[in-house]
Amino acid sequence: MIATLEALRALVFPELRAPQVSGDALARQVVRGFSTLVAEACAACAQTGNDDAASAFIARIPRIAERLALDVRAAYDGDPAATNELEIVVCYPGVRALAVHRFAHELDSLGVPLLPRMMAEHAHRETGIDIHPRATIGDALFIDHGTGVVIGETATIGNRCRIYQGVTLGAKNFDREPDGSMRRGYKRHPTLEDDVVVYAGATILGGDTVIGKGSVIAGGVFLTKSVPAGHVVTGPKVELRMISMGGAI
């Protein structure tokens, strides 16, 4: 799986290709790799009816590549420390995690079992960013730094949002079925509308929690209710104390 993912990254980001490797060779590797991976995942889960899933996924790669270019540009526009887009593609964990997510999300939408979660967990181990493959993410997302970011299964993120390290888009609680088992398949995670910024360490919980367009959530905020468009949410002011150490340092 890892070799196929790396070939896919090099296919959609030509700047990652070794000089002796052609785009056609990478394309053939990706087609073979995902055809095998999809078949193996379906067989492992005793699932049939996905014969065309690999072909449909391959057909969607050019469109996903266009969306990833928007993510890279958003990172460049949003980070004054970035010197060029090559640096972002090679070095930024948020872009790496998003690349895997966008492909995993497409495979999941095509009904492929297991493989999307395996891809997401691989990206999680590599980047410290945990994005469930069923999370819905709009264009031009910038995940800055990214370590500790968690985006749950039913989270929805609009276009041109920014998320910093340590942010959680999680569930507030878990409903139960009448027999006491965990209820599944309902919206448990929040929605960020377009142009929302969530600063480091903020936690936003609940499927009915909607952060309105253009709002800003300050660092460290714990939020379980909706925010209208165009608002800034801050937590209580922390009282700081400075105590002299008598020149001990």
C-alpha atoms as a PDB file:
ATOM      1  CA  MET A   1       0.000   0.000   0.000  1.00  0.00           C
ATOM      2  CA  ILE A   2       2.714   2.487   0.970  1.00  0.00           C
ATOM      3  CA  ALA A   3       4.595   2.120  -2.318  1.00  0.00           C
ATOM      4  CA  THR A   4       1.366   2.657  -4.254  1.00  0.00           C
ATOM      5  CA  LEU A   5       0.523   5.750  -2.200  1.00  0.00           C
ATOM      6  CA  GLU A   6       3.967   7.203  -2.822  1.00  0.00           C
ATOM      7  CA  ALA A   7       3.581   6.559  -6.544  1.00  0.00           C
ATOM      8  CA  LEU A   8       0.219   8.315  -6.426  1.00  0.00           C
ATOM      9  CA  ARG A   9       1.747  11.338  -4.655  1.00  0.00           C
ATOM     10  CA  ALA A  10       4.477  11.529  -7.284  1.00  0.00           C
ATOM     11  CA  LEU A  11       1.856  11.246 -10.024  1.00  0.00           C
ATOM     12  CA  VAL A  12      -0.186  14.200  -8.767  1.00  0.00           C
ATOM     13  CA  PHE A  13       2.845  16.235  -7.639  1.00  0.00           C
ATOM     14  CA  PRO A  14       5.319  16.013 -10.553  1.00  0.00           C
ATOM     15  CA  GLU A  15       7.980  17.838  -8.524  1.00  0.00           C
ATOM     16  CA  LEU A  16       8.347  14.673  -6.422  1.00  0.00           C
ATOM     17  CA  ARG A  17       9.310  12.452  -9.356  1.00  0.00           C
ATOM     18  CA  ALA A  18      12.815  11.108  -9.766  1.00  0.00           C
ATOM     19  CA  PRO A  19      14.322  12.291 -13.077  1.00  0.00           C
ATOM     20  CA  GLN A  20      14.442   8.764 -14.485  1.00  0.00           C
ATOM     21  CA  VAL A  21      10.766   8.011 -13.674  1.00  0.00           C
ATOM     22  CA  SER A  22       8.164   9.021 -16.244  1.00  0.00           C
ATOM     23  CA  GLY A  23       4.583   9.980 -15.585  1.00  0.00           C
ATOM     24  CA  ASP A  24       3.415   7.068 -17.711  1.00  0.00           C
ATOM     25  CA  ALA A  25       5.375   4.602 -15.581  1.00  0.00           C
ATOM     26  CA  LEU A  26       3.897   6.059 -12.407  1.00  0.00           C
ATOM     27  CA  ALA A  27       0.403   5.921 -13.873  1.00  0.00           C
ATOM     28  CA  ARG A  28       0.829   2.241 -14.692  1.00  0.00           C
ATOM     29  CA  GLN A  29       2.107   1.556 -11.167  1.00  0.00           C
ATOM     30  CA  VAL A  30      -0.862   3.378  -9.647  1.00  0.00           C
ATOM     31  CA  VAL A  31      -3.381   1.521 -11.809  1.00  0.00           C
ATOM     32  CA  ARG A  32      -1.872  -1.862 -10.982  1.00  0.00           C
ATOM     33  CA  GLY A  33      -1.449  -1.034  -7.306  1.00  0.00           C
ATOM     34  CA  PHE A  34      -4.964   0.218  -6.647  1.00  0.00           C
ATOM     35  CA  SER A  35      -6.559  -2.521  -8.729  1.00  0.00           C
ATOM     36  CA  THR A  36      -4.828  -5.038  -6.469  1.00  0.00           C
ATOM     37  CA  LEU A  37      -5.482  -3.135  -3.238  1.00  0.00           C
ATOM     38  CA  VAL A  38      -9.196  -2.684  -3.943  1.00  0.00           C
ATOM     39  CA  ALA A  39      -9.590  -6.349  -4.856  1.00  0.00           C
ATOM     40  CA  GLU A  40      -7.737  -7.476  -1.734  1.00  0.00           C
ATOM     41  CA  ALA A  41      -9.755  -5.182   0.533  1.00  0.00           C
ATOM     42  CA  CYS A  42     -13.041  -6.425  -0.904  1.00  0.00           C
ATOM     43  CA  ALA A  43     -11.955 -10.050  -0.592  1.00  0.00           C
ATOM     44  CA  ALA A  44     -10.819  -9.549   3.003  1.00  0.00           C
ATOM     45  CA  CYS A  45     -14.248  -8.166   3.879  1.00  0.00           C
ATOM     46  CA  ALA A  46     -16.130 -10.765   1.800  1.00  0.00           C
ATOM     47  CA  GLN A  47     -17.582  -7.929  -0.235  1.00  0.00           C
ATOM     48  CA  THR A  48     -18.544  -8.275  -3.890  1.00  0.00           C
ATOM     49  CA  GLY A  49     -19.824  -5.848  -6.481  1.00  0.00           C
ATOM     50  CA  ASN A  50     -16.802  -3.519  -6.462  1.00  0.00           C
ATOM     51  CA  ASP A  51     -15.277  -4.676  -9.747  1.00  0.00           C
ATOM     52  CA  ASP A  52     -15.526  -1.187 -11.238  1.00  0.00           C
ATOM     53  CA  ALA A  53     -14.435   0.731  -8.115  1.00  0.00           C
ATOM     54  CA  ALA A  54     -10.739   0.781  -8.997  1.00  0.00           C
ATOM     55  CA  SER A  55     -11.437   2.034 -12.525  1.00  0.00           C
ATOM     56  CA  ALA A  56     -13.806   4.720 -11.227  1.00  0.00           C
ATOM     57  CA  PHE A  57     -11.196   5.795  -8.681  1.00  0.00           C
ATOM     58  CA  ILE A  58      -8.469   6.059 -11.332  1.00  0.00           C
ATOM     59  CA  ALA A  59     -10.769   8.222 -13.437  1.00  0.00           C
ATOM     60  CA  ARG A  60     -11.185  10.675 -10.554  1.00  0.00           C
ATOM     61  CA  ILE A  61      -7.468  11.223  -9.946  1.00  0.00           C
ATOM     62  CA  PRO A  62      -7.113  14.273 -12.252  1.00  0.00           C
ATOM     63  CA  ARG A  63      -9.919  16.104 -10.454  1.00  0.00           C
ATOM     64  CA  ILE A  64      -8.439  15.255  -7.053  1.00  0.00           C
ATOM     65  CA  ALA A  65      -5.076  16.551  -8.245  1.00  0.00           C
ATOM     66  CA  GLU A  66      -6.722  19.883  -9.103  1.00  0.00           C
ATOM     67  CA  ARG A  67      -8.150  20.103  -5.587  1.00  0.00           C
ATOM     68  CA  LEU A  68      -4.786  19.277  -4.036  1.00  0.00           C
ATOM     69  CA  ALA A  69      -3.224  22.126  -6.005  1.00  0.00           C
ATOM     70  CA  LEU A  70      -5.705  24.439  -4.268  1.00  0.00           C
ATOM     71  CA  ASP A  71      -4.637  23.038  -0.876  1.00  0.00           C
ATOM     72  CA  VAL A  72      -0.991  23.691  -1.698  1.00  0.00           C
ATOM     73  CA  ARG A  73      -1.772  27.235  -2.788  1.00  0.00           C
ATOM     74  CA  ALA A  74      -3.791  27.835   0.389  1.00  0.00           C
ATOM     75  CA  ALA A  75      -0.790  26.725   2.456  1.00  0.00           C
ATOM     76  CA  TYR A  76       1.516  29.071   0.558  1.00  0.00           C
ATOM     77  CA  ASP A  77      -0.885  32.005   0.867  1.00  0.00           C
ATOM     78  CA  GLY A  78      -1.509  31.275   4.557  1.00  0.00           C
ATOM     79  CA  ASP A  79       2.039  30.781   5.824  1.00  0.00           C
ATOM     80  CA  PRO A  80       4.592  33.608   5.572  1.00  0.00           C
ATOM     81  CA  ALA A  81       7.319  31.083   6.435  1.00  0.00           C
ATOM     82  CA  ALA A  82       6.727  29.201   3.167  1.00  0.00           C
ATOM     83  CA  THR A  83       9.302  30.032   0.510  1.00  0.00           C
ATOM     84  CA  ASN A  84       7.769  28.156  -2.430  1.00  0.00           C
ATOM     85  CA  GLU A  85       5.203  25.491  -3.287  1.00  0.00           C
ATOM     86  CA  LEU A  86       7.837  22.763  -3.636  1.00  0.00           C
ATOM     87  CA  GLU A  87       8.700  23.203   0.037  1.00  0.00           C
ATOM     88  CA  ILE A  88       5.032  22.816   0.909  1.00  0.00           C
ATOM     89  CA  VAL A  89       4.567  19.634  -1.131  1.00  0.00           C
ATOM     90  CA  VAL A  90       7.715  18.047   0.289  1.00  0.00           C
ATOM     91  CA  CYS A  91       7.631  19.220   3.890  1.00  0.00           C
ATOM     92  CA  TYR A  92       4.156  20.222   5.099  1.00  0.00           C
ATOM     93  CA  PRO A  93       2.362  17.446   7.020  1.00  0.00           C
ATOM     94  CA  GLY A  94      -1.033  19.072   6.490  1.00  0.00           C
ATOM     95  CA  VAL A  95      -0.711  18.756   2.723  1.00  0.00           C
ATOM     96  CA  ARG A  96       0.477  15.145   3.008  1.00  0.00           C
ATOM     97  CA  ALA A  97      -2.450  14.233   5.273  1.00  0.00           C
ATOM     98  CA  LEU A  98      -4.940  16.001   3.005  1.00  0.00           C
ATOM     99  CA  ALA A  99      -3.581  14.243  -0.074  1.00  0.00           C
ATOM    100  CA  VAL A 100      -4.157  10.860   1.509  1.00  0.00           C
ATOM    101  CA  HIS A 101      -7.550  11.943   2.825  1.00  0.00           C
ATOM    102  CA  ARG A 102      -8.853  13.153  -0.514  1.00  0.00           C
ATOM    103  CA  PHE A 103      -7.979   9.844  -2.169  1.00  0.00           C
ATOM    104  CA  ALA A 104      -9.255   7.762   0.762  1.00  0.00           C
ATOM    105  CA  HIS A 105     -12.506   9.746   0.749  1.00  0.00           C
ATOM    106  CA  GLU A 106     -13.078   8.920  -2.924  1.00  0.00           C
ATOM    107  CA  LEU A 107     -12.433   5.225  -2.360  1.00  0.00           C
ATOM    108  CA  ASP A 108     -14.861   5.229   0.562  1.00  0.00           C
ATOM    109  CA  SER A 109     -17.518   6.975  -1.537  1.00  0.00           C
ATOM    110  CA  LEU A 110     -17.118   4.187  -4.093  1.00  0.00           C
ATOM    111  CA  GLY A 111     -17.922   1.588  -1.451  1.00  0.00           C
ATOM    112  CA  VAL A 112     -14.411   0.191  -1.033  1.00  0.00           C
ATOM    113  CA  PRO A 113     -14.105  -1.308   2.483  1.00  0.00           C
ATOM    114  CA  LEU A 114     -11.121  -1.217   4.864  1.00  0.00           C
ATOM    115  CA  LEU A 115      -8.581   0.321   2.460  1.00  0.00           C
ATOM    116  CA  PRO A 116      -9.653   3.958   3.084  1.00  0.00           C
ATOM    117  CA  ARG A 117      -9.213   3.483   6.841  1.00  0.00           C
ATOM    118  CA  MET A 118      -5.830   1.845   6.331  1.00  0.00           C
ATOM    119  CA  MET A 119      -4.740   4.818   4.227  1.00  0.00           C
ATOM    120  CA  ALA A 120      -6.005   7.280   6.833  1.00  0.00           C
ATOM    121  CA  GLU A 121      -4.151   5.495   9.629  1.00  0.00           C
ATOM    122  CA  HIS A 122      -0.954   5.453   7.584  1.00  0.00           C
ATOM    123  CA  ALA A 123      -1.219   9.239   7.171  1.00  0.00           C
ATOM    124  CA  HIS A 124      -2.017   9.556  10.883  1.00  0.00           C
ATOM    125  CA  ARG A 125       1.171   7.725  11.830  1.00  0.00           C
ATOM    126  CA  GLU A 126       3.221   9.812   9.405  1.00  0.00           C
ATOM    127  CA  THR A 127       1.827  13.251  10.236  1.00  0.00           C
ATOM    128  CA  GLY A 128       0.053  13.164  13.608  1.00  0.00           C
ATOM    129  CA  ILE A 129      -3.106  14.322  11.803  1.00  0.00           C
ATOM    130  CA  ASP A 130      -6.133  12.032  12.185  1.00  0.00           C
ATOM    131  CA  ILE A 131      -8.784  12.543   9.482  1.00  0.00           C
ATOM    132  CA  HIS A 132     -11.543   9.992   9.081  1.00  0.00           C
ATOM    133  CA  PRO A 133     -11.971   9.154   5.382  1.00  0.00           C
ATOM    134  CA  ARG A 134     -15.705   9.943   5.523  1.00  0.00           C
ATOM    135  CA  ALA A 135     -15.149  13.520   6.728  1.00  0.00           C
ATOM    136  CA  THR A 136     -16.281  16.010   4.068  1.00  0.00           C
ATOM    137  CA  ILE A 137     -13.654  18.660   3.313  1.00  0.00           C
ATOM    138  CA  GLY A 138     -14.043  21.548   0.888  1.00  0.00           C
ATOM    139  CA  ASP A 139     -11.424  23.189  -1.302  1.00  0.00           C
ATOM    140  CA  ALA A 140      -8.301  25.065  -0.218  1.00  0.00           C
ATOM    141  CA  LEU A 141      -8.022  23.807   3.363  1.00  0.00           C
ATOM    142  CA  PHE A 142      -4.815  24.794   5.180  1.00  0.00           C
ATOM    143  CA  ILE A 143      -3.855  22.635   8.166  1.00  0.00           C
ATOM    144  CA  ASP A 144      -0.922  24.534   9.693  1.00  0.00           C
ATOM    145  CA  HIS A 145       1.621  22.497  11.687  1.00  0.00           C
ATOM    146  CA  GLY A 146      -1.116  19.932  12.223  1.00  0.00           C
ATOM    147  CA  THR A 147       0.168  17.731  15.037  1.00  0.00           C
ATOM    148  CA  GLY A 148      -2.757  16.457  17.091  1.00  0.00           C
ATOM    149  CA  VAL A 149      -5.513  17.537  14.701  1.00  0.00           C
ATOM    150  CA  VAL A 150      -8.528  15.186  14.833  1.00  0.00           C
ATOM    151  CA  ILE A 151     -11.353  15.432  12.286  1.00  0.00           C
ATOM    152  CA  GLY A 152     -14.177  12.984  12.946  1.00  0.00           C
ATOM    153  CA  GLU A 153     -16.183  10.838  10.555  1.00  0.00           C
ATOM    154  CA  THR A 154     -19.188  13.137  10.076  1.00  0.00           C
ATOM    155  CA  ALA A 155     -17.354  16.474  10.271  1.00  0.00           C
ATOM    156  CA  THR A 156     -17.960  18.907   7.411  1.00  0.00           C
ATOM    157  CA  ILE A 157     -15.434  21.620   6.516  1.00  0.00           C
ATOM    158  CA  GLY A 158     -16.185  24.304   3.957  1.00  0.00           C
ATOM    159  CA  ASN A 159     -13.922  26.091   1.508  1.00  0.00           C
ATOM    160  CA  ARG A 160     -10.858  28.170   2.403  1.00  0.00           C
ATOM    161  CA  CYS A 161     -10.762  27.182   6.077  1.00  0.00           C
ATOM    162  CA  ARG A 162      -7.650  27.158   8.273  1.00  0.00           C
ATOM    163  CA  ILE A 163      -7.015  24.762  11.148  1.00  0.00           C
ATOM    164  CA  TYR A 164      -4.017  24.835  13.458  1.00  0.00           C
ATOM    165  CA  GLN A 165      -2.348  22.162  15.566  1.00  0.00           C
ATOM    166  CA  GLY A 166      -4.198  20.366  18.335  1.00  0.00           C
ATOM    167  CA  VAL A 167      -7.696  21.123  17.007  1.00  0.00           C
ATOM    168  CA  THR A 168     -10.421  18.521  17.572  1.00  0.00           C
ATOM    169  CA  LEU A 169     -13.642  18.347  15.557  1.00  0.00           C
ATOM    170  CA  GLY A 170     -15.275  15.643  17.624  1.00  0.00           C
ATOM    171  CA  ALA A 171     -18.478  14.145  18.967  1.00  0.00           C
ATOM    172  CA  LYS A 172     -20.194  15.578  22.023  1.00  0.00           C
ATOM    173  CA  ASN A 173     -21.834  12.299  23.020  1.00  0.00           C
ATOM    174  CA  PHE A 174     -22.915   9.001  21.514  1.00  0.00           C
ATOM    175  CA  ASP A 175     -26.549   8.051  21.034  1.00  0.00           C
ATOM    176  CA  ARG A 176     -27.723   4.525  21.829  1.00  0.00           C
ATOM    177  CA  GLU A 177     -30.170   2.242  20.081  1.00  0.00           C
ATOM    178  CA  PRO A 178     -33.149   0.857  22.065  1.00  0.00           C
ATOM    179  CA  ASP A 179     -31.176  -2.331  22.718  1.00  0.00           C
ATOM    180  CA  GLY A 180     -28.333  -0.303  24.239  1.00  0.00           C
ATOM    181  CA  SER A 181     -25.908  -0.719  21.336  1.00  0.00           C
ATOM    182  CA  MET A 182     -24.062   2.235  19.844  1.00  0.00           C
ATOM    183  CA  ARG A 183     -26.069   4.145  17.258  1.00  0.00           C
ATOM    184  CA  ARG A 184     -24.208   4.528  13.978  1.00  0.00           C
ATOM    185  CA  GLY A 185     -24.560   6.497  10.761  1.00  0.00           C
ATOM    186  CA  TYR A 186     -25.787   9.831  12.114  1.00  0.00           C
ATOM    187  CA  LYS A 187     -24.063  13.221  12.268  1.00  0.00           C
ATOM    188  CA  ARG A 188     -21.978  13.480  15.444  1.00  0.00           C
ATOM    189  CA  HIS A 189     -19.282  15.962  14.454  1.00  0.00           C
ATOM    190  CA  PRO A 190     -19.421  19.714  13.790  1.00  0.00           C
ATOM    191  CA  THR A 191     -19.692  21.744  10.606  1.00  0.00           C
ATOM    192  CA  LEU A 192     -17.332  24.579   9.681  1.00  0.00           C
ATOM    193  CA  GLU A 193     -18.740  26.839   7.000  1.00  0.00           C
ATOM    194  CA  ASP A 194     -16.523  28.638   4.470  1.00  0.00           C
ATOM    195  CA  ASP A 195     -13.570  30.801   5.573  1.00  0.00           C
ATOM    196  CA  VAL A 196     -13.534  29.649   9.205  1.00  0.00           C
ATOM    197  CA  VAL A 197     -10.266  29.808  11.182  1.00  0.00           C
ATOM    198  CA  VAL A 198      -9.731  27.541  14.204  1.00  0.00           C
ATOM    199  CA  TYR A 199      -6.607  28.273  16.213  1.00  0.00           C
ATOM    200  CA  ALA A 200      -4.394  25.862  18.115  1.00  0.00           C
ATOM    201  CA  GLY A 201      -5.829  23.625  20.804  1.00  0.00           C
ATOM    202  CA  ALA A 202      -9.494  24.457  20.200  1.00  0.00           C
ATOM    203  CA  THR A 203     -12.089  21.713  20.663  1.00  0.00           C
ATOM    204  CA  ILE A 204     -15.407  21.868  18.796  1.00  0.00           C
ATOM    205  CA  LEU A 205     -17.925  19.124  19.519  1.00  0.00           C
ATOM    206  CA  GLY A 206     -21.366  18.005  18.377  1.00  0.00           C
ATOM    207  CA  GLY A 207     -23.201  17.152  15.197  1.00  0.00           C
ATOM    208  CA  ASP A 208     -25.547  20.111  15.580  1.00  0.00           C
ATOM    209  CA  THR A 209     -22.681  22.572  16.137  1.00  0.00           C
ATOM    210  CA  VAL A 210     -22.227  24.890  13.146  1.00  0.00           C
ATOM    211  CA  ILE A 211     -19.479  27.506  12.949  1.00  0.00           C
ATOM    212  CA  GLY A 212     -20.760  30.237  10.664  1.00  0.00           C
ATOM    213  CA  LYS A 213     -18.949  31.597   7.633  1.00  0.00           C
ATOM    214  CA  GLY A 214     -15.898  33.721   8.359  1.00  0.00           C
ATOM    215  CA  SER A 215     -15.891  33.096  12.103  1.00  0.00           C
ATOM    216  CA  VAL A 216     -12.704  32.724  14.139  1.00  0.00           C
ATOM    217  CA  ILE A 217     -12.308  30.309  17.054  1.00  0.00           C
ATOM    218  CA  ALA A 218      -9.467  31.315  19.345  1.00  0.00           C
ATOM    219  CA  GLY A 219      -6.888  28.902  20.672  1.00  0.00           C
ATOM    220  CA  GLY A 220      -7.860  26.701  23.589  1.00  0.00           C
ATOM    221  CA  VAL A 221     -11.615  27.301  23.266  1.00  0.00           C
ATOM    222  CA  PHE A 222     -13.954  24.423  24.204  1.00  0.00           C
ATOM    223  CA  LEU A 223     -17.122  24.841  22.157  1.00  0.00           C
ATOM    224  CA  THR A 224     -20.323  22.806  22.018  1.00  0.00           C
ATOM    225  CA  LYS A 225     -22.777  25.304  20.519  1.00  0.00           C
ATOM    226  CA  SER A 226     -23.158  27.010  17.162  1.00  0.00           C
ATOM    227  CA  VAL A 227     -21.581  30.346  16.245  1.00  0.00           C
ATOM    228  CA  PRO A 228     -23.187  32.852  13.847  1.00  0.00           C
ATOM    229  CA  ALA A 229     -21.317  33.960  10.756  1.00  0.00           C
ATOM    230  CA  GLY A 230     -18.662  36.611  11.207  1.00  0.00           C
ATOM    231  CA  HIS A 231     -17.977  36.165  14.928  1.00  0.00           C
ATOM    232  CA  VAL A 232     -14.860  35.691  17.045  1.00  0.00           C
ATOM    233  CA  VAL A 233     -15.044  33.209  19.930  1.00  0.00           C
ATOM    234  CA  THR A 234     -12.532  33.515  22.756  1.00  0.00           C
ATOM    235  CA  GLY A 235     -12.199  31.782  26.091  1.00  0.00           C
ATOM    236  CA  PRO A 236     -11.933  33.371  29.534  1.00  0.00           C
ATOM    237  CA  LYS A 237      -8.941  35.613  30.069  1.00  0.00           C
ATOM    238  CA  VAL A 238      -6.162  33.821  31.876  1.00  0.00           C
ATOM    239  CA  GLU A 239      -4.504  35.677  34.749  1.00  0.00           C
ATOM    240  CA  LEU A 240      -0.746  35.551  34.390  1.00  0.00           C
ATOM    241  CA  ARG A 241       1.737  35.759  37.276  1.00  0.00           C
ATOM    242  CA  MET A 242       5.443  36.479  36.939  1.00  0.00           C
ATOM    243  CA  ILE A 243       7.604  35.550  39.901  1.00  0.00           C
ATOM    244  CA  SER A 244      11.226  36.636  40.073  1.00  0.00           C
ATOM    245  CA  MET A 245      13.732  33.831  40.454  1.00  0.00           C
ATOM    246  CA  GLY A 246      16.279  36.224  41.945  1.00  0.00           C
ATOM    247  CA  GLY A 247      18.725  35.952  39.088  1.00  0.00           C
ATOM    248  CA  ALA A 248      19.094  32.207  39.583  1.00  0.00           C
ATOM    249  CA  ILE A 249      19.217  31.607  35.848  1.00  0.00           C
END
